[in-house]
Amino acid sequence: MLQELSHMDKITQLQDEIQQLLLIMANSISYLTSRSNFLQVSPEIPITKQRNPDKYDPPDVFEANKKELVTDLMVKAKQIEYLINSLPEPEPEEEQAMRFQQLEEEMTLANEEYMLAVGRAKNLHSQVAEVLQAMLVDNEADLLQDGPFIPATMPTTPPKS
């Protein structure tokens, strides 16, 4: 059980790392598209648009930032690779089927025990209800035979004024 929890923890870590990788990728694309200047890549295709100098980074800063983005992506990818490699090998289907069969048998047995316990509880409940009902009927019969009930602490003569 503890080992399964450990594996689930690794899967959660893997999910978190993948989300962080996607965030790094999205931020990288955003930076690259918003802070770059338009460059002519082919003599046949002219540049039709220019950005203001305050809207893009100088080439040396842009290159340094690109390298940092690539480094961040590579580090995150290595962390993900490490987590993937630390996950256990999947167990063969035959073993899974046997384990599921065993769990199903245990569940069936537990369900039968539960049903027996519920039956015993209902039986005990009905017995207690019968005893209480019998006590109430007997008590009412005794009260009717004895006449009106007069508490022992009440005076039988009226108080003197």
N, C-alpha and C. Protein backbone atom coordinates (compact mmCIF):
# COMPACT_ATOMS: atom_id res chain seq x y z
N MET A 1 0.84 -1.19 0.00
CA MET A 1 0.00 0.00 0.00
C MET A 1 0.88 1.25 0.00
N LEU A 2 1.89 1.26 0.88
CA LEU A 2 2.79 2.42 0.96
C LEU A 2 3.53 2.61 -0.36
N GLN A 3 3.90 1.50 -0.98
CA GLN A 3 4.61 1.58 -2.25
C GLN A 3 3.70 2.16 -3.33
N GLU A 4 2.41 1.78 -3.32
CA GLU A 4 1.47 2.33 -4.28
C GLU A 4 1.31 3.84 -4.08
N LEU A 5 1.27 4.27 -2.82
CA LEU A 5 1.17 5.70 -2.54
C LEU A 5 2.40 6.43 -3.04
N SER A 6 3.56 5.80 -2.90
CA SER A 6 4.79 6.40 -3.39
C SER A 6 4.75 6.57 -4.91
N HIS A 7 4.21 5.55 -5.59
CA HIS A 7 4.08 5.64 -7.04
C HIS A 7 3.10 6.74 -7.43
N MET A 8 2.00 6.86 -6.67
CA MET A 8 1.02 7.92 -6.96
C MET A 8 1.66 9.28 -6.74
N ASP A 9 2.52 9.38 -5.71
CA ASP A 9 3.21 10.64 -5.45
C ASP A 9 4.11 10.99 -6.63
N LYS A 10 4.78 10.00 -7.18
CA LYS A 10 5.65 10.25 -8.35
C LYS A 10 4.82 10.67 -9.56
N ILE A 11 3.66 10.07 -9.72
CA ILE A 11 2.80 10.45 -10.84
C ILE A 11 2.32 11.89 -10.67
N THR A 12 1.99 12.27 -9.44
CA THR A 12 1.59 13.65 -9.17
C THR A 12 2.75 14.61 -9.44
N GLN A 13 3.96 14.22 -9.02
CA GLN A 13 5.14 15.05 -9.31
C GLN A 13 5.34 15.17 -10.82
N LEU A 14 5.16 14.07 -11.53
CA LEU A 14 5.32 14.08 -12.98
C LEU A 14 4.30 15.02 -13.62
N GLN A 15 3.07 14.96 -13.15
CA GLN A 15 2.04 15.85 -13.66
C GLN A 15 2.42 17.31 -13.41
N ASP A 16 2.89 17.62 -12.22
CA ASP A 16 3.31 18.99 -11.90
C ASP A 16 4.47 19.44 -12.79
N GLU A 17 5.44 18.55 -12.99
CA GLU A 17 6.60 18.90 -13.83
C GLU A 17 6.17 19.15 -15.28
N ILE A 18 5.26 18.36 -15.79
CA ILE A 18 4.77 18.55 -17.16
C ILE A 18 4.04 19.88 -17.27
N GLN A 19 3.24 20.22 -16.26
CA GLN A 19 2.56 21.52 -16.27
C GLN A 19 3.58 22.67 -16.26
N GLN A 20 4.65 22.51 -15.48
CA GLN A 20 5.68 23.54 -15.45
C GLN A 20 6.40 23.63 -16.80
N LEU A 21 6.65 22.49 -17.44
CA LEU A 21 7.27 22.48 -18.76
C LEU A 21 6.39 23.21 -19.76
N LEU A 22 5.10 22.95 -19.72
CA LEU A 22 4.18 23.64 -20.64
C LEU A 22 4.15 25.14 -20.37
N LEU A 23 4.23 25.52 -19.12
CA LEU A 23 4.27 26.94 -18.77
C LEU A 23 5.54 27.58 -19.30
N ILE A 24 6.68 26.91 -19.14
CA ILE A 24 7.95 27.42 -19.67
C ILE A 24 7.87 27.56 -21.18
N MET A 25 7.28 26.56 -21.84
CA MET A 25 7.15 26.61 -23.30
C MET A 25 6.27 27.78 -23.73
N ALA A 26 5.14 27.96 -23.05
CA ALA A 26 4.24 29.05 -23.40
C ALA A 26 4.90 30.41 -23.19
N ASN A 27 5.61 30.55 -22.07
CA ASN A 27 6.31 31.82 -21.80
C ASN A 27 7.43 32.04 -22.81
N SER A 28 8.10 30.98 -23.23
CA SER A 28 9.17 31.10 -24.22
C SER A 28 8.61 31.58 -25.55
N ILE A 29 7.53 30.97 -25.98
CA ILE A 29 6.91 31.38 -27.25
C ILE A 29 6.44 32.83 -27.17
N SER A 30 5.85 33.18 -26.03
CA SER A 30 5.39 34.55 -25.85
C SER A 30 6.56 35.54 -25.93
N TYR A 31 7.65 35.20 -25.25
CA TYR A 31 8.82 36.08 -25.27
C TYR A 31 9.38 36.18 -26.69
N LEU A 32 9.56 35.04 -27.34
CA LEU A 32 10.17 35.04 -28.67
C LEU A 32 9.33 35.81 -29.69
N THR A 33 8.04 35.74 -29.58
CA THR A 33 7.19 36.45 -30.54
C THR A 33 7.02 37.93 -30.21
N SER A 34 7.15 38.28 -28.95
CA SER A 34 6.90 39.68 -28.59
C SER A 34 8.17 40.52 -28.51
N ARG A 35 9.33 39.92 -28.25
CA ARG A 35 10.54 40.70 -28.03
C ARG A 35 11.58 40.55 -29.15
N SER A 36 11.19 39.95 -30.25
CA SER A 36 12.14 39.82 -31.36
C SER A 36 11.86 40.88 -32.41
N ASN A 37 12.89 41.18 -33.19
CA ASN A 37 12.74 42.12 -34.29
C ASN A 37 12.54 41.31 -35.56
N PHE A 38 11.88 41.90 -36.52
CA PHE A 38 11.67 41.22 -37.79
C PHE A 38 12.96 41.25 -38.60
N LEU A 39 13.39 40.05 -39.03
CA LEU A 39 14.61 39.94 -39.82
C LEU A 39 14.28 39.32 -41.18
N GLN A 40 15.00 39.77 -42.17
CA GLN A 40 14.79 39.20 -43.50
C GLN A 40 15.57 37.90 -43.59
N VAL A 41 14.87 36.81 -43.88
CA VAL A 41 15.51 35.50 -43.95
C VAL A 41 15.78 35.06 -45.38
N SER A 42 15.17 35.74 -46.34
CA SER A 42 15.37 35.40 -47.74
C SER A 42 15.34 36.68 -48.56
N PRO A 43 16.23 36.78 -49.55
CA PRO A 43 16.22 38.00 -50.37
C PRO A 43 14.93 38.14 -51.18
N GLU A 44 14.25 37.04 -51.45
CA GLU A 44 13.00 37.10 -52.22
C GLU A 44 11.80 37.57 -51.39
N ILE A 45 11.93 37.50 -50.06
CA ILE A 45 10.80 37.88 -49.21
C ILE A 45 11.19 39.13 -48.43
N PRO A 46 10.62 40.26 -48.80
CA PRO A 46 10.98 41.51 -48.11
C PRO A 46 10.29 41.62 -46.75
N ILE A 47 10.89 42.43 -45.88
CA ILE A 47 10.29 42.73 -44.57
C ILE A 47 9.26 43.82 -44.80
N THR A 48 8.06 43.58 -44.35
CA THR A 48 6.99 44.56 -44.56
C THR A 48 6.61 45.29 -43.28
N LYS A 49 7.22 44.90 -42.17
CA LYS A 49 6.84 45.46 -40.89
C LYS A 49 8.08 45.71 -40.05
N GLN A 50 8.07 46.75 -39.25
CA GLN A 50 9.17 47.04 -38.32
C GLN A 50 8.58 47.32 -36.94
N ARG A 51 9.35 47.00 -35.92
CA ARG A 51 8.92 47.31 -34.54
C ARG A 51 9.73 48.50 -34.05
N ASN A 52 9.14 49.20 -33.10
CA ASN A 52 9.87 50.28 -32.46
C ASN A 52 11.03 49.69 -31.66
N PRO A 53 12.15 50.38 -31.57
CA PRO A 53 13.31 49.84 -30.83
C PRO A 53 13.02 49.52 -29.37
N ASP A 54 12.07 50.22 -28.74
CA ASP A 54 11.76 49.91 -27.34
C ASP A 54 10.86 48.67 -27.21
N LYS A 55 10.38 48.14 -28.32
CA LYS A 55 9.50 46.97 -28.31
C LYS A 55 10.25 45.65 -28.51
N TYR A 56 11.53 45.69 -28.82
CA TYR A 56 12.30 44.44 -28.98
C TYR A 56 13.64 44.58 -28.27
N ASP A 57 14.21 43.42 -27.94
CA ASP A 57 15.49 43.39 -27.23
C ASP A 57 16.64 43.49 -28.23
N PRO A 58 17.75 44.08 -27.81
CA PRO A 58 18.93 44.10 -28.68
C PRO A 58 19.37 42.66 -28.98
N PRO A 59 20.06 42.44 -30.10
CA PRO A 59 20.42 41.06 -30.49
C PRO A 59 21.20 40.29 -29.44
N ASP A 60 22.16 40.93 -28.73
CA ASP A 60 22.94 40.19 -27.73
C ASP A 60 22.07 39.78 -26.53
N VAL A 61 21.18 40.66 -26.08
CA VAL A 61 20.26 40.34 -24.98
C VAL A 61 19.28 39.25 -25.43
N PHE A 62 18.78 39.39 -26.65
CA PHE A 62 17.83 38.41 -27.17
C PHE A 62 18.47 37.02 -27.24
N GLU A 63 19.70 36.93 -27.70
CA GLU A 63 20.41 35.65 -27.79
C GLU A 63 20.65 35.06 -26.40
N ALA A 64 21.04 35.90 -25.44
CA ALA A 64 21.27 35.42 -24.07
C ALA A 64 19.97 34.88 -23.47
N ASN A 65 18.87 35.60 -23.71
CA ASN A 65 17.58 35.15 -23.20
C ASN A 65 17.13 33.85 -23.88
N LYS A 66 17.38 33.72 -25.17
CA LYS A 66 17.05 32.47 -25.87
C LYS A 66 17.81 31.31 -25.26
N LYS A 67 19.10 31.51 -24.98
CA LYS A 67 19.90 30.43 -24.39
C LYS A 67 19.37 30.06 -23.00
N GLU A 68 18.96 31.06 -22.24
CA GLU A 68 18.40 30.78 -20.92
C GLU A 68 17.09 30.01 -21.03
N LEU A 69 16.25 30.38 -21.98
CA LEU A 69 14.99 29.66 -22.20
C LEU A 69 15.25 28.21 -22.59
N VAL A 70 16.23 27.99 -23.47
CA VAL A 70 16.58 26.64 -23.88
C VAL A 70 17.10 25.84 -22.69
N THR A 71 17.91 26.47 -21.86
CA THR A 71 18.44 25.79 -20.67
C THR A 71 17.31 25.40 -19.73
N ASP A 72 16.37 26.33 -19.51
CA ASP A 72 15.23 26.03 -18.65
C ASP A 72 14.42 24.85 -19.19
N LEU A 73 14.21 24.85 -20.50
CA LEU A 73 13.46 23.75 -21.12
C LEU A 73 14.21 22.42 -20.97
N MET A 74 15.51 22.44 -21.17
CA MET A 74 16.31 21.21 -21.07
C MET A 74 16.32 20.68 -19.63
N VAL A 75 16.49 21.57 -18.66
CA VAL A 75 16.50 21.14 -17.26
C VAL A 75 15.16 20.51 -16.90
N LYS A 76 14.08 21.15 -17.29
CA LYS A 76 12.76 20.62 -16.98
C LYS A 76 12.53 19.28 -17.68
N ALA A 77 12.98 19.16 -18.92
CA ALA A 77 12.84 17.90 -19.66
C ALA A 77 13.64 16.79 -18.97
N LYS A 78 14.82 17.10 -18.47
CA LYS A 78 15.63 16.09 -17.76
C LYS A 78 14.96 15.67 -16.45
N GLN A 79 14.35 16.63 -15.76
CA GLN A 79 13.63 16.29 -14.53
C GLN A 79 12.46 15.35 -14.84
N ILE A 80 11.76 15.63 -15.92
CA ILE A 80 10.63 14.77 -16.32
C ILE A 80 11.15 13.39 -16.71
N GLU A 81 12.23 13.35 -17.44
CA GLU A 81 12.81 12.07 -17.85
C GLU A 81 13.21 11.25 -16.62
N TYR A 82 13.80 11.90 -15.63
CA TYR A 82 14.20 11.21 -14.40
C TYR A 82 12.97 10.62 -13.69
N LEU A 83 11.91 11.42 -13.59
CA LEU A 83 10.69 10.93 -12.93
C LEU A 83 10.09 9.75 -13.69
N ILE A 84 10.08 9.84 -15.00
CA ILE A 84 9.54 8.74 -15.81
C ILE A 84 10.36 7.48 -15.60
N ASN A 85 11.67 7.61 -15.57
CA ASN A 85 12.54 6.45 -15.37
C ASN A 85 12.42 5.86 -13.96
N SER A 86 11.99 6.67 -12.99
CA SER A 86 11.86 6.17 -11.62
C SER A 86 10.53 5.47 -11.38
N LEU A 87 9.61 5.56 -12.34
CA LEU A 87 8.33 4.86 -12.18
C LEU A 87 8.55 3.35 -12.34
N PRO A 88 7.74 2.56 -11.65
CA PRO A 88 7.92 1.11 -11.75
C PRO A 88 7.47 0.60 -13.12
N GLU A 89 8.02 -0.55 -13.47
CA GLU A 89 7.59 -1.20 -14.70
C GLU A 89 6.15 -1.68 -14.51
N PRO A 90 5.33 -1.59 -15.54
CA PRO A 90 3.96 -2.10 -15.38
C PRO A 90 3.98 -3.61 -15.20
N GLU A 91 3.10 -4.08 -14.32
CA GLU A 91 3.07 -5.52 -14.10
C GLU A 91 2.35 -6.20 -15.25
N PRO A 92 2.72 -7.43 -15.54
CA PRO A 92 2.10 -8.15 -16.66
C PRO A 92 0.59 -8.28 -16.49
N GLU A 93 -0.10 -8.40 -17.60
CA GLU A 93 -1.56 -8.46 -17.56
C GLU A 93 -2.07 -9.67 -16.78
N GLU A 94 -1.34 -10.80 -16.87
CA GLU A 94 -1.77 -12.00 -16.14
C GLU A 94 -1.76 -11.74 -14.63
N GLU A 95 -0.70 -11.07 -14.16
CA GLU A 95 -0.62 -10.76 -12.73
C GLU A 95 -1.71 -9.78 -12.32
N GLN A 96 -1.97 -8.80 -13.17
CA GLN A 96 -3.04 -7.85 -12.88
C GLN A 96 -4.38 -8.57 -12.79
N ALA A 97 -4.63 -9.48 -13.74
CA ALA A 97 -5.89 -10.21 -13.75
C ALA A 97 -6.03 -11.05 -12.48
N MET A 98 -4.93 -11.71 -12.08
CA MET A 98 -4.97 -12.52 -10.85
C MET A 98 -5.21 -11.64 -9.63
N ARG A 99 -4.55 -10.48 -9.60
CA ARG A 99 -4.73 -9.58 -8.45
C ARG A 99 -6.16 -9.04 -8.40
N PHE A 100 -6.73 -8.70 -9.55
CA PHE A 100 -8.12 -8.22 -9.59
C PHE A 100 -9.08 -9.33 -9.17
N GLN A 101 -8.82 -10.57 -9.58
CA GLN A 101 -9.65 -11.70 -9.18
C GLN A 101 -9.60 -11.88 -7.67
N GLN A 102 -8.41 -11.79 -7.10
CA GLN A 102 -8.26 -11.93 -5.65
C GLN A 102 -8.99 -10.81 -4.92
N LEU A 103 -8.87 -9.58 -5.43
CA LEU A 103 -9.57 -8.45 -4.80
C LEU A 103 -11.08 -8.62 -4.90
N GLU A 104 -11.54 -9.15 -6.03
CA GLU A 104 -12.98 -9.37 -6.19
C GLU A 104 -13.48 -10.43 -5.21
N GLU A 105 -12.70 -11.51 -5.01
CA GLU A 105 -13.07 -12.53 -4.04
C GLU A 105 -13.10 -11.96 -2.62
N GLU A 106 -12.11 -11.14 -2.29
CA GLU A 106 -12.08 -10.51 -0.96
C GLU A 106 -13.28 -9.58 -0.79
N MET A 107 -13.63 -8.85 -1.84
CA MET A 107 -14.77 -7.95 -1.76
C MET A 107 -16.07 -8.73 -1.60
N THR A 108 -16.21 -9.86 -2.29
CA THR A 108 -17.40 -10.69 -2.17
C THR A 108 -17.53 -11.23 -0.75
N LEU A 109 -16.43 -11.72 -0.21
CA LEU A 109 -16.42 -12.22 1.17
C LEU A 109 -16.79 -11.12 2.16
N ALA A 110 -16.20 -9.94 1.98
CA ALA A 110 -16.49 -8.82 2.88
C ALA A 110 -17.97 -8.42 2.77
N ASN A 111 -18.51 -8.48 1.58
CA ASN A 111 -19.92 -8.14 1.37
C ASN A 111 -20.82 -9.16 2.05
N GLU A 112 -20.47 -10.44 1.96
CA GLU A 112 -21.25 -11.48 2.64
C GLU A 112 -21.21 -11.28 4.15
N GLU A 113 -20.02 -10.99 4.69
CA GLU A 113 -19.90 -10.74 6.12
C GLU A 113 -20.73 -9.53 6.54
N TYR A 114 -20.72 -8.52 5.70
CA TYR A 114 -21.52 -7.31 5.98
C TYR A 114 -23.00 -7.65 6.01
N MET A 115 -23.46 -8.43 5.04
CA MET A 115 -24.87 -8.78 4.99
C MET A 115 -25.28 -9.61 6.21
N LEU A 116 -24.40 -10.52 6.64
CA LEU A 116 -24.67 -11.29 7.85
C LEU A 116 -24.75 -10.37 9.07
N ALA A 117 -23.85 -9.42 9.16
CA ALA A 117 -23.86 -8.48 10.29
C ALA A 117 -25.13 -7.64 10.29
N VAL A 118 -25.56 -7.21 9.11
CA VAL A 118 -26.80 -6.43 9.02
C VAL A 118 -27.98 -7.29 9.45
N GLY A 119 -27.99 -8.56 9.02
CA GLY A 119 -29.07 -9.47 9.42
C GLY A 119 -29.10 -9.67 10.92
N ARG A 120 -27.92 -9.86 11.54
CA ARG A 120 -27.86 -10.00 13.00
C ARG A 120 -28.35 -8.73 13.69
N ALA A 121 -27.95 -7.58 13.17
CA ALA A 121 -28.38 -6.32 13.78
C ALA A 121 -29.90 -6.15 13.68
N LYS A 122 -30.49 -6.53 12.54
CA LYS A 122 -31.95 -6.45 12.40
C LYS A 122 -32.65 -7.41 13.36
N ASN A 123 -32.08 -8.61 13.50
CA ASN A 123 -32.65 -9.60 14.41
C ASN A 123 -32.61 -9.09 15.84
N LEU A 124 -31.44 -8.55 16.25
CA LEU A 124 -31.32 -8.00 17.61
C LEU A 124 -32.27 -6.82 17.81
N HIS A 125 -32.42 -6.00 16.81
CA HIS A 125 -33.32 -4.85 16.90
C HIS A 125 -34.75 -5.33 17.13
N SER A 126 -35.17 -6.34 16.38
CA SER A 126 -36.54 -6.84 16.54
C SER A 126 -36.72 -7.48 17.91
N GLN A 127 -35.71 -8.19 18.43
CA GLN A 127 -35.81 -8.79 19.76
C GLN A 127 -35.93 -7.71 20.83
N VAL A 128 -35.12 -6.65 20.71
CA VAL A 128 -35.19 -5.55 21.69
C VAL A 128 -36.55 -4.87 21.61
N ALA A 129 -37.06 -4.68 20.40
CA ALA A 129 -38.36 -4.04 20.23
C ALA A 129 -39.46 -4.90 20.85
N GLU A 130 -39.38 -6.23 20.69
CA GLU A 130 -40.38 -7.12 21.28
C GLU A 130 -40.32 -7.05 22.81
N VAL A 131 -39.12 -7.05 23.36
CA VAL A 131 -38.98 -6.99 24.82
C VAL A 131 -39.54 -5.67 25.35
N LEU A 132 -39.21 -4.57 24.69
CA LEU A 132 -39.73 -3.27 25.13
C LEU A 132 -41.25 -3.24 25.02
N GLN A 133 -41.79 -3.78 23.94
CA GLN A 133 -43.24 -3.80 23.75
C GLN A 133 -43.90 -4.64 24.85
N ALA A 134 -43.28 -5.78 25.16
CA ALA A 134 -43.83 -6.65 26.21
C ALA A 134 -43.79 -5.93 27.56
N MET A 135 -42.71 -5.21 27.83
CA MET A 135 -42.61 -4.47 29.09
C MET A 135 -43.66 -3.39 29.17
N LEU A 136 -43.92 -2.70 28.09
CA LEU A 136 -44.93 -1.65 28.09
C LEU A 136 -46.32 -2.22 28.30
N VAL A 137 -46.63 -3.33 27.65
CA VAL A 137 -47.95 -3.95 27.79
C VAL A 137 -48.15 -4.45 29.22
N ASP A 138 -47.14 -5.11 29.78
CA ASP A 138 -47.24 -5.59 31.15
C ASP A 138 -47.38 -4.44 32.13
N ASN A 139 -46.65 -3.35 31.92
CA ASN A 139 -46.68 -2.19 32.81
C ASN A 139 -48.06 -1.53 32.76
N GLU A 140 -48.65 -1.43 31.58
CA GLU A 140 -49.99 -0.84 31.45
C GLU A 140 -51.02 -1.71 32.14
N ALA A 141 -50.90 -3.02 32.01
CA ALA A 141 -51.85 -3.94 32.66
C ALA A 141 -51.76 -3.81 34.18
N ASP A 142 -50.54 -3.71 34.72
CA ASP A 142 -50.36 -3.55 36.16
C ASP A 142 -50.96 -2.25 36.64
N LEU A 143 -50.79 -1.20 35.88
CA LEU A 143 -51.33 0.10 36.28
C LEU A 143 -52.85 0.07 36.30
N LEU A 144 -53.45 -0.58 35.33
CA LEU A 144 -54.91 -0.65 35.28
C LEU A 144 -55.47 -1.48 36.44
N GLN A 145 -54.77 -2.52 36.86
CA GLN A 145 -55.24 -3.36 37.96
C GLN A 145 -55.07 -2.67 39.31
N ASP A 146 -54.04 -1.88 39.47
CA ASP A 146 -53.74 -1.27 40.77
C ASP A 146 -54.57 -0.03 41.03
N GLY A 147 -55.20 0.53 40.09
CA GLY A 147 -55.96 1.74 40.29
C GLY A 147 -55.10 2.96 40.03
N PRO A 148 -55.60 4.15 40.42
CA PRO A 148 -54.85 5.38 40.13
C PRO A 148 -53.54 5.41 40.90
N PHE A 149 -52.60 6.03 40.33
CA PHE A 149 -51.24 6.12 40.91
C PHE A 149 -51.17 7.32 41.82
N ILE A 150 -50.77 7.08 43.06
CA ILE A 150 -50.59 8.16 44.02
C ILE A 150 -49.14 8.10 44.47
N PRO A 151 -48.39 9.13 44.21
CA PRO A 151 -46.98 9.11 44.62
C PRO A 151 -46.86 9.04 46.14
N ALA A 152 -45.84 8.39 46.62
CA ALA A 152 -45.64 8.22 48.06
C ALA A 152 -45.29 9.52 48.73
N THR A 153 -44.81 10.48 48.07
CA THR A 153 -44.40 11.74 48.69
C THR A 153 -45.54 12.72 48.80
N MET A 154 -46.67 12.45 48.15
CA MET A 154 -47.80 13.37 48.24
C MET A 154 -48.60 13.10 49.53
N PRO A 155 -48.95 14.15 50.23
CA PRO A 155 -49.77 13.93 51.45
C PRO A 155 -51.19 13.50 51.06
N THR A 156 -51.77 12.66 51.86
CA THR A 156 -53.12 12.19 51.57
C THR A 156 -54.17 13.08 52.21
N THR A 157 -53.79 13.90 53.19
CA THR A 157 -54.74 14.83 53.80
C THR A 157 -54.45 16.23 53.31
N PRO A 158 -55.45 17.04 53.17
CA PRO A 158 -55.20 18.40 52.70
C PRO A 158 -54.39 19.18 53.70
N PRO A 159 -53.58 20.11 53.24
CA PRO A 159 -52.78 20.92 54.17
C PRO A 159 -53.65 21.84 55.01
N LYS A 160 -53.21 22.11 56.23
CA LYS A 160 -53.94 23.01 57.12
C LYS A 160 -53.52 24.44 56.85
N SER A 161 -54.51 25.30 56.82
CA SER A 161 -54.17 26.68 56.57
C SER A 161 -54.27 27.53 57.80
